[in-house]
Amino acid sequence: TMYLYLLILLQLLSSAGASESGIVGGKIAKPHSRPYMVSLQHRGRHVCGGMLIRKDFVLTSAHCLMNAYPLTVVLGAHNLTEEEKKSRQERKVSHYHRHPLHQNITQFSYDIMLLKLEKTNSPCS
């Protein structure tokens, strides 16, 4: 019976966290204070985040490519629902470099990917 109680408790805990979405207890970042953060988008919809590690490379998760090809990298956007014409830049991806041992979305081992941008970005303000 102890095993059954533990199983029920684990189920309740896992389902409680699954219903929440977004960041809890966080603070809104100062606009454009994180110029290295990017949005990876497919057909205009955000699918993943990434980090600009060089002017022409983005580091992200390999699973971001599942059912979302091709990706567009959006830089300089503080709020994805606003246009922000002065700072927003969109870049196409010229090469997708997934870890060679990454298998699929159900296994997160080797879940890393580099994206080579077609065009280097200019500094975001």
N, C-alpha and C. Protein backbone atom coordinates (compact mmCIF):
# COMPACT_ATOMS: atom_id res chain seq x y z
N THR A 1 0.82 -1.21 0.00
CA THR A 1 0.00 0.00 0.00
C THR A 1 0.86 1.27 0.00
N MET A 2 2.01 1.20 0.65
CA MET A 2 2.91 2.36 0.66
C MET A 2 3.35 2.70 -0.77
N TYR A 3 3.61 1.68 -1.56
CA TYR A 3 4.00 1.87 -2.96
C TYR A 3 2.88 2.57 -3.73
N LEU A 4 1.64 2.18 -3.47
CA LEU A 4 0.49 2.78 -4.14
C LEU A 4 0.35 4.25 -3.78
N TYR A 5 0.51 4.59 -2.49
CA TYR A 5 0.45 5.98 -2.06
C TYR A 5 1.54 6.83 -2.72
N LEU A 6 2.73 6.27 -2.79
CA LEU A 6 3.84 6.98 -3.42
C LEU A 6 3.56 7.22 -4.91
N LEU A 7 3.01 6.22 -5.56
CA LEU A 7 2.68 6.34 -6.98
C LEU A 7 1.62 7.43 -7.20
N ILE A 8 0.60 7.47 -6.35
CA ILE A 8 -0.45 8.48 -6.46
C ILE A 8 0.12 9.88 -6.20
N LEU A 9 0.99 9.99 -5.20
CA LEU A 9 1.60 11.28 -4.88
C LEU A 9 2.44 11.79 -6.05
N LEU A 10 3.22 10.91 -6.64
CA LEU A 10 4.04 11.30 -7.79
C LEU A 10 3.18 11.75 -8.96
N GLN A 11 2.08 11.06 -9.18
CA GLN A 11 1.16 11.43 -10.27
C GLN A 11 0.56 12.81 -10.02
N LEU A 12 0.15 13.08 -8.79
CA LEU A 12 -0.42 14.39 -8.46
C LEU A 12 0.59 15.51 -8.64
N LEU A 13 1.81 15.28 -8.19
CA LEU A 13 2.85 16.29 -8.32
C LEU A 13 3.20 16.57 -9.77
N SER A 14 3.28 15.54 -10.57
CA SER A 14 3.64 15.74 -11.97
C SER A 14 2.53 16.43 -12.75
N SER A 15 1.28 16.14 -12.44
CA SER A 15 0.19 16.78 -13.16
C SER A 15 -0.03 18.21 -12.69
N ALA A 16 0.32 18.52 -11.44
CA ALA A 16 0.17 19.90 -10.96
C ALA A 16 1.11 20.83 -11.70
N GLY A 17 2.32 20.43 -11.93
CA GLY A 17 3.29 21.27 -12.63
C GLY A 17 3.00 21.39 -14.10
N ALA A 18 2.37 20.39 -14.68
CA ALA A 18 2.12 20.38 -16.11
C ALA A 18 1.07 21.41 -16.51
N SER A 19 0.16 21.77 -15.58
CA SER A 19 -0.90 22.70 -15.94
C SER A 19 -0.42 24.15 -15.96
N GLU A 20 0.72 24.44 -15.31
CA GLU A 20 1.25 25.79 -15.30
C GLU A 20 2.03 26.05 -16.57
N SER A 21 1.97 27.27 -17.04
CA SER A 21 2.78 27.64 -18.20
C SER A 21 3.37 29.01 -17.95
N GLY A 22 4.45 29.30 -18.63
CA GLY A 22 5.10 30.59 -18.46
C GLY A 22 6.07 30.58 -17.29
N ILE A 23 6.59 31.75 -16.98
CA ILE A 23 7.55 31.89 -15.90
C ILE A 23 6.81 32.36 -14.67
N VAL A 24 6.99 31.67 -13.56
CA VAL A 24 6.32 32.01 -12.31
C VAL A 24 7.29 32.77 -11.43
N GLY A 25 6.88 33.92 -10.93
CA GLY A 25 7.71 34.69 -10.01
C GLY A 25 8.87 35.42 -10.67
N GLY A 26 8.87 35.51 -11.99
CA GLY A 26 9.95 36.20 -12.69
C GLY A 26 9.68 37.69 -12.81
N LYS A 27 10.65 38.39 -13.34
CA LYS A 27 10.52 39.83 -13.57
C LYS A 27 10.74 40.11 -15.05
N ILE A 28 10.09 41.13 -15.55
CA ILE A 28 10.28 41.53 -16.93
C ILE A 28 11.67 42.13 -17.06
N ALA A 29 12.40 41.66 -18.05
CA ALA A 29 13.76 42.17 -18.28
C ALA A 29 13.71 43.57 -18.86
N LYS A 30 14.72 44.36 -18.56
CA LYS A 30 14.85 45.69 -19.15
C LYS A 30 14.94 45.50 -20.66
N PRO A 31 14.17 46.26 -21.45
CA PRO A 31 14.19 46.09 -22.90
C PRO A 31 15.61 46.12 -23.48
N HIS A 32 15.91 45.12 -24.27
CA HIS A 32 17.16 44.98 -25.02
C HIS A 32 18.39 44.82 -24.13
N SER A 33 18.18 44.36 -22.89
CA SER A 33 19.31 44.13 -21.98
C SER A 33 19.95 42.77 -22.22
N ARG A 34 19.33 41.93 -23.03
CA ARG A 34 19.87 40.60 -23.35
C ARG A 34 19.95 40.44 -24.87
N PRO A 35 20.87 41.17 -25.53
CA PRO A 35 20.91 41.15 -27.00
C PRO A 35 21.32 39.81 -27.59
N TYR A 36 21.83 38.92 -26.79
CA TYR A 36 22.25 37.60 -27.26
C TYR A 36 21.10 36.60 -27.32
N MET A 37 19.96 36.94 -26.74
CA MET A 37 18.80 36.04 -26.76
C MET A 37 18.07 36.20 -28.09
N VAL A 38 17.68 35.06 -28.68
CA VAL A 38 16.98 35.09 -29.97
C VAL A 38 15.71 34.24 -29.90
N SER A 39 14.82 34.51 -30.81
CA SER A 39 13.62 33.70 -30.98
C SER A 39 13.79 32.90 -32.26
N LEU A 40 13.55 31.61 -32.19
CA LEU A 40 13.57 30.76 -33.38
C LEU A 40 12.12 30.59 -33.81
N GLN A 41 11.84 30.95 -35.05
CA GLN A 41 10.46 30.94 -35.52
C GLN A 41 10.30 30.12 -36.78
N HIS A 42 9.11 29.54 -36.89
CA HIS A 42 8.72 28.78 -38.08
C HIS A 42 7.39 29.36 -38.55
N ARG A 43 7.39 29.88 -39.77
CA ARG A 43 6.18 30.50 -40.35
C ARG A 43 5.62 31.59 -39.43
N GLY A 44 6.52 32.38 -38.84
CA GLY A 44 6.10 33.51 -38.02
C GLY A 44 5.72 33.19 -36.59
N ARG A 45 5.83 31.93 -36.18
CA ARG A 45 5.47 31.54 -34.81
C ARG A 45 6.71 31.12 -34.05
N HIS A 46 6.82 31.60 -32.80
CA HIS A 46 7.95 31.25 -31.94
C HIS A 46 7.89 29.76 -31.60
N VAL A 47 9.00 29.05 -31.81
CA VAL A 47 9.05 27.62 -31.46
C VAL A 47 10.11 27.32 -30.41
N CYS A 48 11.15 28.13 -30.33
CA CYS A 48 12.23 27.89 -29.37
C CYS A 48 13.02 29.17 -29.16
N GLY A 49 13.82 29.14 -28.13
CA GLY A 49 14.76 30.22 -27.88
C GLY A 49 16.16 29.76 -28.23
N GLY A 50 17.06 30.69 -28.33
CA GLY A 50 18.45 30.37 -28.60
C GLY A 50 19.35 31.47 -28.10
N MET A 51 20.65 31.25 -28.23
CA MET A 51 21.63 32.22 -27.77
C MET A 51 22.62 32.50 -28.89
N LEU A 52 22.78 33.76 -29.19
CA LEU A 52 23.75 34.18 -30.19
C LEU A 52 25.14 34.05 -29.57
N ILE A 53 25.96 33.16 -30.12
CA ILE A 53 27.29 32.94 -29.54
C ILE A 53 28.39 33.59 -30.39
N ARG A 54 28.03 34.02 -31.57
CA ARG A 54 28.91 34.75 -32.47
C ARG A 54 28.00 35.53 -33.42
N LYS A 55 28.52 36.43 -34.19
CA LYS A 55 27.67 37.22 -35.09
C LYS A 55 26.92 36.38 -36.10
N ASP A 56 27.41 35.16 -36.33
CA ASP A 56 26.79 34.32 -37.36
C ASP A 56 26.40 32.93 -36.86
N PHE A 57 26.42 32.69 -35.54
CA PHE A 57 26.05 31.37 -35.00
C PHE A 57 25.12 31.51 -33.80
N VAL A 58 24.11 30.63 -33.77
CA VAL A 58 23.17 30.55 -32.66
C VAL A 58 23.24 29.16 -32.06
N LEU A 59 23.26 29.08 -30.74
CA LEU A 59 23.24 27.81 -30.01
C LEU A 59 21.82 27.58 -29.51
N THR A 60 21.30 26.38 -29.76
CA THR A 60 19.94 26.04 -29.33
C THR A 60 19.84 24.54 -29.11
N SER A 61 18.63 24.05 -28.92
CA SER A 61 18.38 22.62 -28.73
C SER A 61 18.05 21.97 -30.06
N ALA A 62 18.52 20.75 -30.26
CA ALA A 62 18.27 20.04 -31.51
C ALA A 62 16.79 19.73 -31.71
N HIS A 63 16.06 19.53 -30.62
CA HIS A 63 14.64 19.20 -30.77
C HIS A 63 13.83 20.38 -31.33
N CYS A 64 14.40 21.57 -31.35
CA CYS A 64 13.69 22.73 -31.91
C CYS A 64 13.41 22.57 -33.40
N LEU A 65 14.16 21.73 -34.06
CA LEU A 65 14.00 21.53 -35.50
C LEU A 65 12.88 20.55 -35.85
N MET A 66 12.42 19.79 -34.86
CA MET A 66 11.37 18.80 -35.12
C MET A 66 10.08 19.50 -35.55
N ASN A 67 9.57 19.17 -36.70
CA ASN A 67 8.33 19.71 -37.25
C ASN A 67 8.36 21.23 -37.41
N ALA A 68 9.54 21.82 -37.53
CA ALA A 68 9.63 23.27 -37.67
C ALA A 68 10.78 23.63 -38.60
N TYR A 69 10.71 23.19 -39.85
CA TYR A 69 11.78 23.47 -40.80
C TYR A 69 11.19 24.24 -41.97
N PRO A 70 11.76 25.30 -42.40
CA PRO A 70 12.98 25.95 -41.95
C PRO A 70 12.71 26.90 -40.78
N LEU A 71 13.76 27.25 -40.06
CA LEU A 71 13.67 28.19 -38.96
C LEU A 71 14.16 29.56 -39.40
N THR A 72 13.56 30.58 -38.81
CA THR A 72 14.02 31.96 -38.97
C THR A 72 14.48 32.43 -37.60
N VAL A 73 15.62 33.09 -37.55
CA VAL A 73 16.16 33.61 -36.29
C VAL A 73 15.76 35.08 -36.17
N VAL A 74 15.10 35.43 -35.05
CA VAL A 74 14.69 36.81 -34.80
C VAL A 74 15.56 37.36 -33.68
N LEU A 75 16.28 38.43 -33.99
CA LEU A 75 17.17 39.08 -33.03
C LEU A 75 16.63 40.46 -32.67
N GLY A 76 16.99 40.95 -31.50
CA GLY A 76 16.67 42.32 -31.11
C GLY A 76 15.23 42.59 -30.78
N ALA A 77 14.45 41.56 -30.52
CA ALA A 77 13.03 41.74 -30.18
C ALA A 77 12.84 41.56 -28.68
N HIS A 78 12.36 42.58 -28.01
CA HIS A 78 12.08 42.47 -26.58
C HIS A 78 10.73 41.80 -26.36
N ASN A 79 9.77 42.16 -27.19
CA ASN A 79 8.41 41.62 -27.09
C ASN A 79 8.02 41.11 -28.48
N LEU A 80 7.80 39.82 -28.59
CA LEU A 80 7.51 39.22 -29.90
C LEU A 80 6.16 39.64 -30.47
N THR A 81 5.29 40.20 -29.64
CA THR A 81 3.98 40.62 -30.13
C THR A 81 4.00 42.05 -30.67
N GLU A 82 5.12 42.76 -30.51
CA GLU A 82 5.25 44.12 -31.02
C GLU A 82 6.23 44.14 -32.19
N GLU A 83 6.09 45.11 -33.08
CA GLU A 83 6.94 45.16 -34.28
C GLU A 83 8.39 45.54 -33.98
N GLU A 84 8.64 46.53 -33.18
CA GLU A 84 9.99 46.99 -32.83
C GLU A 84 10.89 47.11 -34.07
N LYS A 85 10.47 47.92 -35.01
CA LYS A 85 11.17 48.05 -36.29
C LYS A 85 12.63 48.48 -36.15
N LYS A 86 12.95 49.30 -35.15
CA LYS A 86 14.32 49.80 -35.02
C LYS A 86 15.31 48.71 -34.64
N SER A 87 14.89 47.78 -33.80
CA SER A 87 15.85 46.79 -33.27
C SER A 87 15.67 45.38 -33.82
N ARG A 88 14.50 45.07 -34.31
CA ARG A 88 14.21 43.69 -34.76
C ARG A 88 14.94 43.35 -36.06
N GLN A 89 15.59 42.20 -36.07
CA GLN A 89 16.27 41.70 -37.26
C GLN A 89 15.86 40.24 -37.47
N GLU A 90 15.64 39.86 -38.70
CA GLU A 90 15.34 38.46 -39.03
C GLU A 90 16.44 37.92 -39.91
N ARG A 91 16.88 36.71 -39.61
CA ARG A 91 17.95 36.07 -40.37
C ARG A 91 17.54 34.66 -40.75
N LYS A 92 17.84 34.28 -41.98
CA LYS A 92 17.63 32.90 -42.42
C LYS A 92 18.80 32.06 -41.95
N VAL A 93 18.55 30.77 -41.83
CA VAL A 93 19.59 29.82 -41.41
C VAL A 93 20.16 29.16 -42.66
N SER A 94 21.48 29.19 -42.80
CA SER A 94 22.11 28.55 -43.96
C SER A 94 22.49 27.10 -43.69
N HIS A 95 22.85 26.78 -42.45
CA HIS A 95 23.21 25.40 -42.10
C HIS A 95 22.71 25.06 -40.70
N TYR A 96 22.21 23.85 -40.55
CA TYR A 96 21.77 23.31 -39.27
C TYR A 96 22.77 22.24 -38.86
N HIS A 97 23.44 22.44 -37.75
CA HIS A 97 24.45 21.48 -37.29
C HIS A 97 23.95 20.82 -36.00
N ARG A 98 23.17 19.74 -36.15
CA ARG A 98 22.70 18.99 -34.98
C ARG A 98 23.80 18.06 -34.51
N HIS A 99 23.82 17.78 -33.20
CA HIS A 99 24.78 16.81 -32.68
C HIS A 99 24.53 15.48 -33.40
N PRO A 100 25.57 14.82 -33.90
CA PRO A 100 25.38 13.59 -34.69
C PRO A 100 24.73 12.44 -33.92
N LEU A 101 24.78 12.47 -32.60
CA LEU A 101 24.17 11.39 -31.82
C LEU A 101 22.75 11.71 -31.35
N HIS A 102 22.23 12.89 -31.71
CA HIS A 102 20.86 13.22 -31.33
C HIS A 102 19.90 12.36 -32.15
N GLN A 103 18.96 11.72 -31.47
CA GLN A 103 18.05 10.78 -32.14
C GLN A 103 16.70 11.38 -32.47
N ASN A 104 15.93 11.73 -31.45
CA ASN A 104 14.58 12.23 -31.71
C ASN A 104 14.08 13.04 -30.52
N ILE A 105 12.83 13.49 -30.63
CA ILE A 105 12.27 14.37 -29.61
C ILE A 105 12.03 13.68 -28.27
N THR A 106 11.92 12.36 -28.25
CA THR A 106 11.64 11.67 -26.99
C THR A 106 12.90 11.45 -26.16
N GLN A 107 14.06 11.60 -26.76
CA GLN A 107 15.30 11.44 -26.01
C GLN A 107 16.07 12.76 -26.07
N PHE A 108 16.37 13.31 -24.90
CA PHE A 108 17.03 14.60 -24.86
C PHE A 108 18.54 14.49 -24.71
N SER A 109 19.09 13.31 -24.93
CA SER A 109 20.54 13.17 -24.94
C SER A 109 21.08 13.84 -26.19
N TYR A 110 22.17 14.53 -26.05
CA TYR A 110 22.83 15.22 -27.17
C TYR A 110 21.90 16.24 -27.84
N ASP A 111 21.02 16.82 -27.06
CA ASP A 111 20.02 17.76 -27.58
C ASP A 111 20.62 19.15 -27.75
N ILE A 112 21.51 19.28 -28.73
CA ILE A 112 22.19 20.54 -28.96
C ILE A 112 22.36 20.74 -30.46
N MET A 113 22.30 22.01 -30.88
CA MET A 113 22.40 22.31 -32.30
C MET A 113 22.98 23.71 -32.48
N LEU A 114 23.80 23.85 -33.50
CA LEU A 114 24.31 25.16 -33.91
C LEU A 114 23.62 25.56 -35.21
N LEU A 115 23.23 26.81 -35.29
CA LEU A 115 22.62 27.34 -36.51
C LEU A 115 23.57 28.37 -37.10
N LYS A 116 23.92 28.18 -38.35
CA LYS A 116 24.78 29.14 -39.07
C LYS A 116 23.85 30.10 -39.80
N LEU A 117 23.98 31.38 -39.52
CA LEU A 117 23.13 32.37 -40.15
C LEU A 117 23.63 32.70 -41.55
N GLU A 118 22.67 32.93 -42.47
CA GLU A 118 23.04 33.30 -43.85
C GLU A 118 23.78 34.63 -43.88
N LYS A 119 23.37 35.53 -43.02
CA LYS A 119 23.93 36.87 -42.99
C LYS A 119 24.25 37.21 -41.54
N THR A 120 25.41 37.80 -41.28
CA THR A 120 25.74 38.17 -39.91
C THR A 120 24.83 39.29 -39.45
N ASN A 121 24.62 39.35 -38.15
CA ASN A 121 23.74 40.38 -37.62
C ASN A 121 24.54 41.63 -37.27
N SER A 122 23.85 42.74 -37.25
CA SER A 122 24.47 43.97 -36.76
C SER A 122 24.09 44.10 -35.29
N PRO A 123 24.88 44.79 -34.49
CA PRO A 123 24.59 44.89 -33.05
C PRO A 123 23.19 45.44 -32.81
N CYS A 124 22.50 44.80 -31.87
CA CYS A 124 21.14 45.24 -31.52
C CYS A 124 21.24 46.31 -30.45
N SER A 125 20.41 47.34 -30.55
CA SER A 125 20.44 48.39 -29.53
C SER A 125 19.30 48.22 -28.57
